Amino acid sequence: SVTMLAWGAIEFSKEMTDLNQIGHTLRAIKWGTDYF
């Protein structure tokens, strides 16, 4: 799940930023990677 979220953030960073979702996405990724 974290792999797919991260690639979403990589491929669609502009679109996520325009939608004000990049912060939520990066926090979702980091919640998993901190645990790893």
PDB file of all heavy atoms in Angstrom:
ATOM      1  N   SER A   1       0.823  -1.203   0.000  1.00  0.00           N
ATOM      2  CA  SER A   1       0.000   0.000   0.000  1.00  0.00           C
ATOM      3  C   SER A   1       0.861   1.259   0.000  1.00  0.00           C
ATOM      4  O   SER A   1       0.592   2.221  -0.731  1.00  0.00           O
ATOM      5  CB  SER A   1      -0.927   0.003   1.223  1.00  0.00           C
ATOM      6  OG  SER A   1      -1.801  -1.100   1.200  1.00  0.00           O
ATOM      7  N   VAL A   2       1.907   1.263   0.815  1.00  0.00           N
ATOM      8  CA  VAL A   2       2.797   2.422   0.872  1.00  0.00           C
ATOM      9  C   VAL A   2       3.546   2.593  -0.452  1.00  0.00           C
ATOM     10  O   VAL A   2       3.755   3.721  -0.924  1.00  0.00           O
ATOM     11  CB  VAL A   2       3.781   2.294   2.055  1.00  0.00           C
ATOM     12  CG1 VAL A   2       4.858   3.366   1.992  1.00  0.00           C
ATOM     13  CG2 VAL A   2       3.026   2.388   3.376  1.00  0.00           C
ATOM     14  N   THR A   3       3.944   1.491  -1.068  1.00  0.00           N
ATOM     15  CA  THR A   3       4.597   1.572  -2.375  1.00  0.00           C
ATOM     16  C   THR A   3       3.704   2.264  -3.390  1.00  0.00           C
ATOM     17  O   THR A   3       4.132   3.175  -4.117  1.00  0.00           O
ATOM     18  CB  THR A   3       4.952   0.164  -2.896  1.00  0.00           C
ATOM     19  OG1 THR A   3       5.797  -0.503  -1.958  1.00  0.00           O
ATOM     20  CG2 THR A   3       5.660   0.238  -4.247  1.00  0.00           C
ATOM     21  N   MET A   4       2.437   1.860  -3.446  1.00  0.00           N
ATOM     22  CA  MET A   4       1.515   2.432  -4.415  1.00  0.00           C
ATOM     23  C   MET A   4       1.195   3.891  -4.106  1.00  0.00           C
ATOM     24  O   MET A   4       1.091   4.726  -5.012  1.00  0.00           O
ATOM     25  CB  MET A   4       0.235   1.601  -4.466  1.00  0.00           C
ATOM     26  CG  MET A   4       0.455   0.158  -4.905  1.00  0.00           C
ATOM     27  SD  MET A   4       1.247   0.034  -6.533  1.00  0.00           S
ATOM     28  CE  MET A   4      -0.102   0.554  -7.600  1.00  0.00           C
ATOM     29  N   LEU A   5       1.030   4.205  -2.824  1.00  0.00           N
ATOM     30  CA  LEU A   5       0.809   5.602  -2.444  1.00  0.00           C
ATOM     31  C   LEU A   5       1.989   6.477  -2.863  1.00  0.00           C
ATOM     32  O   LEU A   5       1.813   7.587  -3.372  1.00  0.00           O
ATOM     33  CB  LEU A   5       0.606   5.705  -0.936  1.00  0.00           C
ATOM     34  CG  LEU A   5      -0.798   5.477  -0.379  1.00  0.00           C
ATOM     35  CD1 LEU A   5      -0.761   5.507   1.143  1.00  0.00           C
ATOM     36  CD2 LEU A   5      -1.764   6.517  -0.897  1.00  0.00           C
ATOM     37  N   ALA A   6       3.195   5.970  -2.614  1.00  0.00           N
ATOM     38  CA  ALA A   6       4.384   6.742  -2.950  1.00  0.00           C
ATOM     39  C   ALA A   6       4.485   6.980  -4.452  1.00  0.00           C
ATOM     40  O   ALA A   6       4.798   8.093  -4.900  1.00  0.00           O
ATOM     41  CB  ALA A   6       5.636   6.034  -2.434  1.00  0.00           C
ATOM     42  N   TRP A   7       4.195   5.950  -5.259  1.00  0.00           N
ATOM     43  CA  TRP A   7       4.269   6.150  -6.707  1.00  0.00           C
ATOM     44  C   TRP A   7       3.177   7.083  -7.187  1.00  0.00           C
ATOM     45  O   TRP A   7       3.354   7.819  -8.167  1.00  0.00           O
ATOM     46  CB  TRP A   7       4.210   4.811  -7.442  1.00  0.00           C
ATOM     47  CG  TRP A   7       5.564   4.187  -7.516  1.00  0.00           C
ATOM     48  CD1 TRP A   7       6.004   3.067  -6.897  1.00  0.00           C
ATOM     49  CD2 TRP A   7       6.702   4.708  -8.226  1.00  0.00           C
ATOM     50  NE1 TRP A   7       7.329   2.846  -7.162  1.00  0.00           N
ATOM     51  CE2 TRP A   7       7.782   3.834  -7.981  1.00  0.00           C
ATOM     52  CE3 TRP A   7       6.904   5.830  -9.034  1.00  0.00           C
ATOM     53  CZ2 TRP A   7       9.047   4.062  -8.530  1.00  0.00           C
ATOM     54  CZ3 TRP A   7       8.170   6.047  -9.573  1.00  0.00           C
ATOM     55  CH2 TRP A   7       9.212   5.154  -9.319  1.00  0.00           C
ATOM     56  N   GLY A   8       2.028   7.075  -6.509  1.00  0.00           N
ATOM     57  CA  GLY A   8       0.998   8.055  -6.839  1.00  0.00           C
ATOM     58  C   GLY A   8       1.486   9.465  -6.597  1.00  0.00           C
ATOM     59  O   GLY A   8       1.267  10.368  -7.410  1.00  0.00           O
ATOM     60  N   ALA A   9       2.175   9.662  -5.465  1.00  0.00           N
ATOM     61  CA  ALA A   9       2.710  10.988  -5.136  1.00  0.00           C
ATOM     62  C   ALA A   9       3.802  11.414  -6.109  1.00  0.00           C
ATOM     63  O   ALA A   9       3.951  12.600  -6.405  1.00  0.00           O
ATOM     64  CB  ALA A   9       3.249  10.986  -3.711  1.00  0.00           C
ATOM     65  N   ILE A  10       4.566  10.441  -6.608  1.00  0.00           N
ATOM     66  CA  ILE A  10       5.636  10.751  -7.566  1.00  0.00           C
ATOM     67  C   ILE A  10       5.043  11.128  -8.933  1.00  0.00           C
ATOM     68  O   ILE A  10       5.396  12.146  -9.528  1.00  0.00           O
ATOM     69  CB  ILE A  10       6.584   9.547  -7.717  1.00  0.00           C
ATOM     70  CG1 ILE A  10       7.321   9.279  -6.407  1.00  0.00           C
ATOM     71  CG2 ILE A  10       7.571   9.783  -8.860  1.00  0.00           C
ATOM     72  CD1 ILE A  10       7.982   7.914  -6.346  1.00  0.00           C
ATOM     73  N   GLU A  11       4.137  10.311  -9.432  1.00  0.00           N
ATOM     74  CA  GLU A  11       3.602  10.497 -10.779  1.00  0.00           C
ATOM     75  C   GLU A  11       2.615  11.657 -10.876  1.00  0.00           C
ATOM     76  O   GLU A  11       2.476  12.280 -11.934  1.00  0.00           O
ATOM     77  CB  GLU A  11       2.925   9.200 -11.247  1.00  0.00           C
ATOM     78  CG  GLU A  11       3.864   8.027 -11.429  1.00  0.00           C
ATOM     79  CD  GLU A  11       4.809   8.207 -12.606  1.00  0.00           C
ATOM     80  OE1 GLU A  11       4.462   8.964 -13.537  1.00  0.00           O
ATOM     81  OE2 GLU A  11       5.893   7.606 -12.597  1.00  0.00           O
ATOM     82  N   PHE A  12       1.900  11.939  -9.785  1.00  0.00           N
ATOM     83  CA  PHE A  12       0.828  12.941  -9.849  1.00  0.00           C
ATOM     84  C   PHE A  12       1.000  14.014  -8.785  1.00  0.00           C
ATOM     85  O   PHE A  12       0.026  14.506  -8.217  1.00  0.00           O
ATOM     86  CB  PHE A  12      -0.531  12.246  -9.690  1.00  0.00           C
ATOM     87  CG  PHE A  12      -0.805  11.206 -10.734  1.00  0.00           C
ATOM     88  CD1 PHE A  12      -0.656   9.860 -10.445  1.00  0.00           C
ATOM     89  CD2 PHE A  12      -1.177  11.563 -12.012  1.00  0.00           C
ATOM     90  CE1 PHE A  12      -0.902   8.889 -11.394  1.00  0.00           C
ATOM     91  CE2 PHE A  12      -1.422  10.609 -12.980  1.00  0.00           C
ATOM     92  CZ  PHE A  12      -1.277   9.268 -12.673  1.00  0.00           C
ATOM     93  N   SER A  13       2.233  14.404  -8.529  1.00  0.00           N
ATOM     94  CA  SER A  13       2.485  15.399  -7.484  1.00  0.00           C
ATOM     95  C   SER A  13       1.816  16.736  -7.804  1.00  0.00           C
ATOM     96  O   SER A  13       1.265  17.389  -6.906  1.00  0.00           O
ATOM     97  CB  SER A  13       3.988  15.590  -7.276  1.00  0.00           C
ATOM     98  OG  SER A  13       4.605  16.035  -8.477  1.00  0.00           O
ATOM     99  N   LYS A  14       1.847  17.155  -9.055  1.00  0.00           N
ATOM    100  CA  LYS A  14       1.226  18.426  -9.426  1.00  0.00           C
ATOM    101  C   LYS A  14      -0.275  18.378  -9.212  1.00  0.00           C
ATOM    102  O   LYS A  14      -0.872  19.308  -8.645  1.00  0.00           O
ATOM    103  CB  LYS A  14       1.527  18.765 -10.884  1.00  0.00           C
ATOM    104  CG  LYS A  14       0.920  20.104 -11.321  1.00  0.00           C
ATOM    105  CD  LYS A  14       1.166  20.373 -12.778  1.00  0.00           C
ATOM    106  CE  LYS A  14       0.595  21.756 -13.179  1.00  0.00           C
ATOM    107  NZ  LYS A  14      -0.862  21.841 -12.911  1.00  0.00           N
ATOM    108  N   GLU A  15      -0.893  17.295  -9.682  1.00  0.00           N
ATOM    109  CA  GLU A  15      -2.342  17.183  -9.536  1.00  0.00           C
ATOM    110  C   GLU A  15      -2.746  17.122  -8.064  1.00  0.00           C
ATOM    111  O   GLU A  15      -3.731  17.739  -7.642  1.00  0.00           O
ATOM    112  CB  GLU A  15      -2.854  15.934 -10.268  1.00  0.00           C
ATOM    113  CG  GLU A  15      -2.787  16.017 -11.781  1.00  0.00           C
ATOM    114  CD  GLU A  15      -1.413  15.664 -12.342  1.00  0.00           C
ATOM    115  OE1 GLU A  15      -0.476  15.434 -11.550  1.00  0.00           O
ATOM    116  OE2 GLU A  15      -1.288  15.608 -13.577  1.00  0.00           O
ATOM    117  N   MET A  16      -1.978  16.386  -7.272  1.00  0.00           N
ATOM    118  CA  MET A  16      -2.277  16.295  -5.839  1.00  0.00           C
ATOM    119  C   MET A  16      -2.082  17.648  -5.159  1.00  0.00           C
ATOM    120  O   MET A  16      -2.860  18.023  -4.273  1.00  0.00           O
ATOM    121  CB  MET A  16      -1.389  15.243  -5.179  1.00  0.00           C
ATOM    122  CG  MET A  16      -1.775  13.819  -5.488  1.00  0.00           C
ATOM    123  SD  MET A  16      -0.700  12.655  -4.606  1.00  0.00           S
ATOM    124  CE  MET A  16      -1.606  11.124  -4.862  1.00  0.00           C
ATOM    125  N   THR A  17      -1.054  18.367  -5.574  1.00  0.00           N
ATOM    126  CA  THR A  17      -0.818  19.697  -5.007  1.00  0.00           C
ATOM    127  C   THR A  17      -1.960  20.638  -5.362  1.00  0.00           C
ATOM    128  O   THR A  17      -2.449  21.392  -4.508  1.00  0.00           O
ATOM    129  CB  THR A  17       0.515  20.264  -5.514  1.00  0.00           C
ATOM    130  OG1 THR A  17       1.584  19.389  -5.144  1.00  0.00           O
ATOM    131  CG2 THR A  17       0.777  21.643  -4.925  1.00  0.00           C
ATOM    132  N   ASP A  18      -2.406  20.593  -6.614  1.00  0.00           N
ATOM    133  CA  ASP A  18      -3.517  21.446  -7.047  1.00  0.00           C
ATOM    134  C   ASP A  18      -4.790  21.147  -6.272  1.00  0.00           C
ATOM    135  O   ASP A  18      -5.616  22.040  -6.045  1.00  0.00           O
ATOM    136  CB  ASP A  18      -3.772  21.265  -8.549  1.00  0.00           C
ATOM    137  CG  ASP A  18      -2.639  21.817  -9.406  1.00  0.00           C
ATOM    138  OD1 ASP A  18      -1.821  22.599  -8.876  1.00  0.00           O
ATOM    139  OD2 ASP A  18      -2.570  21.449 -10.592  1.00  0.00           O
ATOM    140  N   LEU A  19      -4.960  19.897  -5.861  1.00  0.00           N
ATOM    141  CA  LEU A  19      -6.157  19.487  -5.110  1.00  0.00           C
ATOM    142  C   LEU A  19      -5.964  19.632  -3.601  1.00  0.00           C
ATOM    143  O   LEU A  19      -6.838  19.246  -2.831  1.00  0.00           O
ATOM    144  CB  LEU A  19      -6.491  18.023  -5.433  1.00  0.00           C
ATOM    145  CG  LEU A  19      -7.013  17.747  -6.832  1.00  0.00           C
ATOM    146  CD1 LEU A  19      -7.035  16.246  -7.107  1.00  0.00           C
ATOM    147  CD2 LEU A  19      -8.401  18.347  -7.025  1.00  0.00           C
ATOM    148  N   ASN A  20      -4.802  20.152  -3.195  1.00  0.00           N
ATOM    149  CA  ASN A  20      -4.485  20.317  -1.776  1.00  0.00           C
ATOM    150  C   ASN A  20      -4.476  18.968  -1.047  1.00  0.00           C
ATOM    151  O   ASN A  20      -4.910  18.865   0.108  1.00  0.00           O
ATOM    152  CB  ASN A  20      -5.478  21.274  -1.099  1.00  0.00           C
ATOM    153  CG  ASN A  20      -4.954  21.800   0.237  1.00  0.00           C
ATOM    154  OD1 ASN A  20      -3.738  21.949   0.418  1.00  0.00           O
ATOM    155  ND2 ASN A  20      -5.849  22.068   1.161  1.00  0.00           N
ATOM    156  N   GLN A  21      -3.971  17.933  -1.729  1.00  0.00           N
ATOM    157  CA  GLN A  21      -3.933  16.586  -1.151  1.00  0.00           C
ATOM    158  C   GLN A  21      -2.512  16.056  -0.978  1.00  0.00           C
ATOM    159  O   GLN A  21      -2.336  14.983  -0.410  1.00  0.00           O
ATOM    160  CB  GLN A  21      -4.727  15.614  -2.028  1.00  0.00           C
ATOM    161  CG  GLN A  21      -6.213  15.879  -2.072  1.00  0.00           C
ATOM    162  CD  GLN A  21      -6.883  15.707  -0.722  1.00  0.00           C
ATOM    163  OE1 GLN A  21      -6.494  14.856   0.071  1.00  0.00           O
ATOM    164  NE2 GLN A  21      -7.872  16.538  -0.447  1.00  0.00           N
ATOM    165  N   ILE A  22      -1.509  16.768  -1.443  1.00  0.00           N
ATOM    166  CA  ILE A  22      -0.155  16.222  -1.363  1.00  0.00           C
ATOM    167  C   ILE A  22       0.298  16.089   0.086  1.00  0.00           C
ATOM    168  O   ILE A  22       1.003  15.134   0.444  1.00  0.00           O
ATOM    169  CB  ILE A  22       0.843  17.099  -2.172  1.00  0.00           C
ATOM    170  CG1 ILE A  22       2.189  16.381  -2.306  1.00  0.00           C
ATOM    171  CG2 ILE A  22       1.001  18.474  -1.562  1.00  0.00           C
ATOM    172  CD1 ILE A  22       2.150  15.123  -3.129  1.00  0.00           C
ATOM    173  N   GLY A  23      -0.109  17.004   0.950  1.00  0.00           N
ATOM    174  CA  GLY A  23       0.261  16.902   2.362  1.00  0.00           C
ATOM    175  C   GLY A  23      -0.338  15.676   3.017  1.00  0.00           C
ATOM    176  O   GLY A  23       0.356  14.943   3.733  1.00  0.00           O
ATOM    177  N   HIS A  24      -1.622  15.443   2.767  1.00  0.00           N
ATOM    178  CA  HIS A  24      -2.276  14.255   3.325  1.00  0.00           C
ATOM    179  C   HIS A  24      -1.632  12.981   2.790  1.00  0.00           C
ATOM    180  O   HIS A  24      -1.465  11.992   3.517  1.00  0.00           O
ATOM    181  CB  HIS A  24      -3.772  14.260   2.985  1.00  0.00           C
ATOM    182  CG  HIS A  24      -4.538  15.393   3.603  1.00  0.00           C
ATOM    183  ND1 HIS A  24      -4.426  15.716   4.940  1.00  0.00           N
ATOM    184  CD2 HIS A  24      -5.433  16.267   3.069  1.00  0.00           C
ATOM    185  CE1 HIS A  24      -5.220  16.754   5.204  1.00  0.00           C
ATOM    186  NE2 HIS A  24      -5.831  17.103   4.087  1.00  0.00           N
ATOM    187  N   THR A  25      -1.266  12.991   1.509  1.00  0.00           N
ATOM    188  CA  THR A  25      -0.652  11.806   0.901  1.00  0.00           C
ATOM    189  C   THR A  25       0.715  11.521   1.512  1.00  0.00           C
ATOM    190  O   THR A  25       1.021  10.372   1.864  1.00  0.00           O
ATOM    191  CB  THR A  25      -0.520  12.006  -0.621  1.00  0.00           C
ATOM    192  OG1 THR A  25      -1.800  12.280  -1.183  1.00  0.00           O
ATOM    193  CG2 THR A  25       0.060  10.756  -1.272  1.00  0.00           C
ATOM    194  N   LEU A  26       1.538  12.545   1.651  1.00  0.00           N
ATOM    195  CA  LEU A  26       2.869  12.353   2.229  1.00  0.00           C
ATOM    196  C   LEU A  26       2.779  11.911   3.691  1.00  0.00           C
ATOM    197  O   LEU A  26       3.574  11.078   4.145  1.00  0.00           O
ATOM    198  CB  LEU A  26       3.689  13.634   2.110  1.00  0.00           C
ATOM    199  CG  LEU A  26       4.105  14.032   0.694  1.00  0.00           C
ATOM    200  CD1 LEU A  26       4.782  15.402   0.701  1.00  0.00           C
ATOM    201  CD2 LEU A  26       5.023  12.978   0.076  1.00  0.00           C
ATOM    202  N   ARG A  27       1.809  12.427   4.415  1.00  0.00           N
ATOM    203  CA  ARG A  27       1.638  11.992   5.808  1.00  0.00           C
ATOM    204  C   ARG A  27       1.192  10.536   5.875  1.00  0.00           C
ATOM    205  O   ARG A  27       1.597   9.792   6.778  1.00  0.00           O
ATOM    206  CB  ARG A  27       0.660  12.920   6.533  1.00  0.00           C
ATOM    207  CG  ARG A  27       1.274  14.260   6.927  1.00  0.00           C
ATOM    208  CD  ARG A  27       0.370  15.052   7.824  1.00  0.00           C
ATOM    209  NE  ARG A  27      -0.745  15.644   7.109  1.00  0.00           N
ATOM    210  CZ  ARG A  27      -0.709  16.835   6.525  1.00  0.00           C
ATOM    211  NH1 ARG A  27       0.405  17.561   6.556  1.00  0.00           N
ATOM    212  NH2 ARG A  27      -1.772  17.323   5.902  1.00  0.00           N
ATOM    213  N   ALA A  28       0.339  10.127   4.933  1.00  0.00           N
ATOM    214  CA  ALA A  28      -0.079   8.718   4.892  1.00  0.00           C
ATOM    215  C   ALA A  28       1.107   7.809   4.596  1.00  0.00           C
ATOM    216  O   ALA A  28       1.246   6.723   5.177  1.00  0.00           O
ATOM    217  CB  ALA A  28      -1.171   8.532   3.831  1.00  0.00           C
ATOM    218  N   ILE A  29       1.965   8.232   3.685  1.00  0.00           N
ATOM    219  CA  ILE A  29       3.165   7.460   3.372  1.00  0.00           C
ATOM    220  C   ILE A  29       4.079   7.380   4.584  1.00  0.00           C
ATOM    221  O   ILE A  29       4.564   6.307   4.954  1.00  0.00           O
ATOM    222  CB  ILE A  29       3.908   8.099   2.181  1.00  0.00           C
ATOM    223  CG1 ILE A  29       3.058   8.021   0.909  1.00  0.00           C
ATOM    224  CG2 ILE A  29       5.258   7.413   1.949  1.00  0.00           C
ATOM    225  CD1 ILE A  29       3.572   8.888  -0.226  1.00  0.00           C
ATOM    226  N   LYS A  30       4.314   8.526   5.211  1.00  0.00           N
ATOM    227  CA  LYS A  30       5.253   8.585   6.336  1.00  0.00           C
ATOM    228  C   LYS A  30       4.772   7.777   7.529  1.00  0.00           C
ATOM    229  O   LYS A  30       5.582   7.224   8.287  1.00  0.00           O
ATOM    230  CB  LYS A  30       5.481  10.044   6.746  1.00  0.00           C
ATOM    231  CG  LYS A  30       6.645  10.248   7.718  1.00  0.00           C
ATOM    232  CD  LYS A  30       6.925  11.729   7.918  1.00  0.00           C
ATOM    233  CE  LYS A  30       8.181  11.938   8.783  1.00  0.00           C
ATOM    234  NZ  LYS A  30       8.023  11.434  10.157  1.00  0.00           N
ATOM    235  N   TRP A  31       3.451   7.681   7.716  1.00  0.00           N
ATOM    236  CA  TRP A  31       2.946   6.860   8.814  1.00  0.00           C
ATOM    237  C   TRP A  31       3.379   5.403   8.628  1.00  0.00           C
ATOM    238  O   TRP A  31       3.676   4.697   9.594  1.00  0.00           O
ATOM    239  CB  TRP A  31       1.426   6.956   8.908  1.00  0.00           C
ATOM    240  CG  TRP A  31       0.901   6.480  10.225  1.00  0.00           C
ATOM    241  CD1 TRP A  31       0.433   5.223  10.519  1.00  0.00           C
ATOM    242  CD2 TRP A  31       0.811   7.231  11.442  1.00  0.00           C
ATOM    243  NE1 TRP A  31       0.050   5.151  11.838  1.00  0.00           N
ATOM    244  CE2 TRP A  31       0.275   6.372  12.428  1.00  0.00           C
ATOM    245  CE3 TRP A  31       1.133   8.538  11.784  1.00  0.00           C
ATOM    246  CZ2 TRP A  31       0.054   6.790  13.741  1.00  0.00           C
ATOM    247  CZ3 TRP A  31       0.914   8.961  13.084  1.00  0.00           C
ATOM    248  CH2 TRP A  31       0.381   8.089  14.038  1.00  0.00           C
ATOM    249  N   GLY A  32       3.436   4.967   7.379  1.00  0.00           N
ATOM    250  CA  GLY A  32       3.903   3.614   7.108  1.00  0.00           C
ATOM    251  C   GLY A  32       5.409   3.492   7.157  1.00  0.00           C
ATOM    252  O   GLY A  32       5.948   2.549   7.757  1.00  0.00           O
ATOM    253  N   THR A  33       6.135   4.436   6.571  1.00  0.00           N
ATOM    254  CA  THR A  33       7.592   4.309   6.520  1.00  0.00           C
ATOM    255  C   THR A  33       8.237   4.507   7.897  1.00  0.00           C
ATOM    256  O   THR A  33       9.258   3.886   8.180  1.00  0.00           O
ATOM    257  CB  THR A  33       8.196   5.301   5.507  1.00  0.00           C
ATOM    258  OG1 THR A  33       7.723   6.629   5.773  1.00  0.00           O
ATOM    259  CG2 THR A  33       7.804   4.911   4.092  1.00  0.00           C
ATOM    260  N   ASP A  34       7.666   5.356   8.729  1.00  0.00           N
ATOM    261  CA  ASP A  34       8.178   5.475  10.103  1.00  0.00           C
ATOM    262  C   ASP A  34       8.117   4.127  10.806  1.00  0.00           C
ATOM    263  O   ASP A  34       9.040   3.749  11.548  1.00  0.00           O
ATOM    264  CB  ASP A  34       7.361   6.497  10.897  1.00  0.00           C
ATOM    265  CG  ASP A  34       7.722   7.937  10.560  1.00  0.00           C
ATOM    266  OD1 ASP A  34       8.724   8.159   9.850  1.00  0.00           O
ATOM    267  OD2 ASP A  34       7.001   8.841  11.022  1.00  0.00           O
ATOM    268  N   TYR A  35       7.039   3.410  10.561  1.00  0.00           N
ATOM    269  CA  TYR A  35       6.875   2.085  11.167  1.00  0.00           C
ATOM    270  C   TYR A  35       7.886   1.092  10.599  1.00  0.00           C
ATOM    271  O   TYR A  35       8.480   0.296  11.336  1.00  0.00           O
ATOM    272  CB  TYR A  35       5.450   1.588  10.940  1.00  0.00           C
ATOM    273  CG  TYR A  35       5.207   0.183  11.408  1.00  0.00           C
ATOM    274  CD1 TYR A  35       5.166  -0.122  12.772  1.00  0.00           C
ATOM    275  CD2 TYR A  35       5.007  -0.846  10.494  1.00  0.00           C
ATOM    276  CE1 TYR A  35       4.934  -1.421  13.207  1.00  0.00           C
ATOM    277  CE2 TYR A  35       4.778  -2.135  10.920  1.00  0.00           C
ATOM    278  CZ  TYR A  35       4.741  -2.427  12.277  1.00  0.00           C
ATOM    279  OH  TYR A  35       4.534  -3.718  12.705  1.00  0.00           O
ATOM    280  N   PHE A  36       8.113   1.137   9.294  1.00  0.00           N
ATOM    281  CA  PHE A  36       9.094   0.230   8.682  1.00  0.00           C
ATOM    282  C   PHE A  36      10.492   0.457   9.253  1.00  0.00           C
ATOM    283  O   PHE A  36      11.241  -0.502   9.473  1.00  0.00           O
ATOM    284  CB  PHE A  36       9.127   0.413   7.168  1.00  0.00           C
ATOM    285  CG  PHE A  36       7.853   0.043   6.470  1.00  0.00           C
ATOM    286  CD1 PHE A  36       7.457   0.721   5.331  1.00  0.00           C
ATOM    287  CD2 PHE A  36       7.057  -0.973   6.945  1.00  0.00           C
ATOM    288  CE1 PHE A  36       6.285   0.380   4.690  1.00  0.00           C
ATOM    289  CE2 PHE A  36       5.873  -1.321   6.301  1.00  0.00           C
ATOM    290  CZ  PHE A  36       5.489  -0.630   5.167  1.00  0.00           C
TER     291      PHE A  36
END
